[in-house]
Amino acid sequence: MPIIVNLDVMMARRKMSLNELSEKVGITLSNLSILKTGKAKAIRFSTLETICKVLDCQPADILEYSKR
């Protein structure tokens, strides 16, 4: 897939664990893990907005397009 998810990079920069992000965003650990590993087929804008608020970042800090 040409969309690369850099969620783990932003979490490391903010020194935040997957458990902590899951609690603050309000989604399950399994769903967050699927997103983090790039296996998700879609993400709701509301979820992306909440992740950006919690991590104090922009969507482009998390999602990247690569032509490969």
Protein backbone atom coordinates (compact mmCIF):
# COMPACT_ATOMS: atom_id res chain seq x y z
CA MET A 1 0.00 0.00 0.00
CA PRO A 2 1.41 3.42 -0.90
CA ILE A 3 0.18 5.00 2.36
CA ILE A 4 2.75 4.74 5.15
CA VAL A 5 1.60 5.13 8.75
CA ASN A 6 4.18 6.82 10.98
CA LEU A 7 2.14 6.62 14.16
CA ASP A 8 4.92 4.83 16.04
CA VAL A 9 7.33 7.68 15.21
CA MET A 10 5.00 10.33 16.64
CA MET A 11 4.29 8.19 19.71
CA ALA A 12 8.03 7.85 20.34
CA ARG A 13 8.54 11.60 19.94
CA ARG A 14 5.80 12.24 22.50
CA LYS A 15 7.03 9.39 24.73
CA MET A 16 3.55 7.86 24.69
CA SER A 17 2.74 4.17 24.90
CA LEU A 18 0.14 2.38 22.81
CA ASN A 19 -1.93 1.83 25.96
CA GLU A 20 -1.85 5.51 26.88
CA LEU A 21 -2.76 6.64 23.36
CA SER A 22 -5.57 4.10 23.21
CA GLU A 23 -7.08 5.43 26.45
CA LYS A 24 -6.75 9.09 25.44
CA VAL A 25 -8.15 8.58 21.94
CA GLY A 26 -10.91 6.21 23.03
CA ILE A 27 -10.26 3.33 20.64
CA THR A 28 -9.34 -0.24 21.43
CA LEU A 29 -5.74 -1.41 21.61
CA SER A 30 -6.38 -3.86 18.79
CA ASN A 31 -7.77 -1.18 16.45
CA LEU A 32 -4.92 1.18 17.30
CA SER A 33 -2.43 -1.62 16.70
CA ILE A 34 -3.98 -2.36 13.29
CA LEU A 35 -3.62 1.32 12.40
CA LYS A 36 -0.06 1.52 13.73
CA THR A 37 1.11 -1.48 11.72
CA GLY A 38 -0.39 -0.10 8.51
CA LYS A 39 -2.93 -2.92 8.19
CA ALA A 40 -5.97 -0.64 8.44
CA LYS A 41 -7.96 -0.11 5.25
CA ALA A 42 -9.51 3.16 6.45
CA ILE A 43 -9.56 5.68 9.28
CA ARG A 44 -12.36 8.02 10.28
CA PHE A 45 -11.54 11.70 10.16
CA SER A 46 -12.86 12.03 13.70
CA THR A 47 -10.38 9.38 14.89
CA LEU A 48 -7.54 11.01 12.98
CA GLU A 49 -8.50 14.38 14.47
CA THR A 50 -8.46 12.99 18.01
CA ILE A 51 -5.09 11.27 17.46
CA CYS A 52 -3.67 14.57 16.17
CA LYS A 53 -5.05 16.44 19.19
CA VAL A 54 -3.60 13.92 21.65
CA LEU A 55 -0.20 13.78 19.92
CA ASP A 56 -0.20 17.52 19.12
CA CYS A 57 0.62 16.93 15.46
CA GLN A 58 -0.70 17.27 11.92
CA PRO A 59 -2.20 14.42 9.86
CA ALA A 60 0.86 14.57 7.58
CA ASP A 61 3.03 13.75 10.60
CA ILE A 62 1.21 10.41 10.83
CA LEU A 63 0.30 9.56 7.24
CA GLU A 64 2.67 9.64 4.29
CA TYR A 65 2.22 8.82 0.60
CA SER A 66 4.93 6.92 -1.24
CA LYS A 67 4.85 6.18 -4.98
CA ARG A 68 7.24 3.22 -4.47
